């Protein structure tokens, strides 16, 4: 458990540093690029989204969960990655003018072709980074990721400042993967250059095929949403949706991404060792909801302030969309590790089955809402509705793979409800005093005091009720330090 906590701490540090760098970069890019230019890049990513998922093909996860990993597994993973990457590069490069013509945006051709270079670069980092994760070498991953992110973000901002528009973001993504490839090779202890092979393609295909199918379904759902919104409403609304969802993703993607990066190899190792996982999964749900629900509440209530502080006044229109995405985040927090645990015990078939239901339903909801109502708010409402529909399905697959886990997750999550309520009361009171439909942000001093009050009340509630978060070693150490500081100050 100590090893997992240390790995988690390093993964969080990596994520926080990269998030901070990305936030700083986005704050500058939001002022250097117009919503239209950012929308062009977002739609370009959506166009190649399925190709990107096919390139990954679950190769990294296959290497992490394989019990008897040898050189032939590594050579086959590298060979298949090269084959897929090269083929997808050719397809995207050739199809770029067609996509640009469909949207009537000639600039998309060059942006797409630059982004397609990632397909040639990624095979050289897939294997090395997967091995570092399998070995839980998160300190090395921290150094590699942060260094690559600094290089990429600095270059992206410099190119945007020089007038390269959406191409600056595409070039930055290529630089990021080049730096990750070099860093991953340097960080791993095995410096051999293995020749590509396809000898063990069958077992990789069995695992990777289901993983790719799951990821393709998810990617299609996400990317088609952007494509349809861009076609019906324009590039600006795509950027507004992306910015609103981005606030939710500060936790859902950025924080939980760090957790999942550690949870998958840790769960896989526990499964190989024959350990039970229902109780740890339930405890994880309690800890995640205790952090996620207050975050989503505060971001939802203070959405205008968050957007104005981070990105400037030109994104104010996205504030009315944020609460819907935060509602989806509240629902997803309970089951955010369910698929990770299910895959770790070898039941990727259950994850695939669930995604075959969840993602098409989500896609149908959002596309129908946008086409029928022709309003960006409709897409946000449909997104929250889809999260409500997905939660029972994810609990079901969790219970199939780990009997009793669904009830355990719900009971554990229930312990976080009082904490969420305690955080919400001061936030709603202050926001109500200034008007929920306000057009100017709450003064920064008042906002800071309100957030501190909400968090303090939430922490006090966790202490009084004995929530699992209040018994975590990291929290106990922090409390002891605060106590010593107060004694010194006294």
Foldseek 3Di string as FASTA:
>chain_A
DVLLVVLLVLLQVLLVLLVVLVLVLQQLCLVLADLQLVLLLLLLCLVCLLLVLVLPLCLLVCQLLDPDDDLQSLQQSLQSSQVSLVVSLVVQLVCQCVVCVVLVHNVSNVLNNLLSCQSNLQSLQSSLVSVCLSVSVSNLVSVQQSVLSVVLSVQLSVCSNVPPGNSSNSNSVSSSSNSSSVSSCVSDPDNDDRHHDNPPVVVSCVVSVLSSLLSSLQSNLVSVLSVLLCVLPNSSLSSLQVVLLVLLCVCLPSSVVSVLSSLLSVLLVCLVVVHACLQVLQLQLLVQLLPLLLSLLLCLQQVQVVCCVRHNLVNSVSNVLNNLSSLLSNLCSLLSCLQSNLVSNPPSVLSSVLSVPLRVQLSVQQSCQCVVVVDSSSNSNSSSVSSVVSNVSSLVSSCVSRPPNSVSSVVSSVLSVVLSVLLNVLSCVVSVVCDSPDSDGDDPVVSVVSNVNSNVSSVVSCVVSVRPVCVDPVNVVVVVVVVVVVVVVD
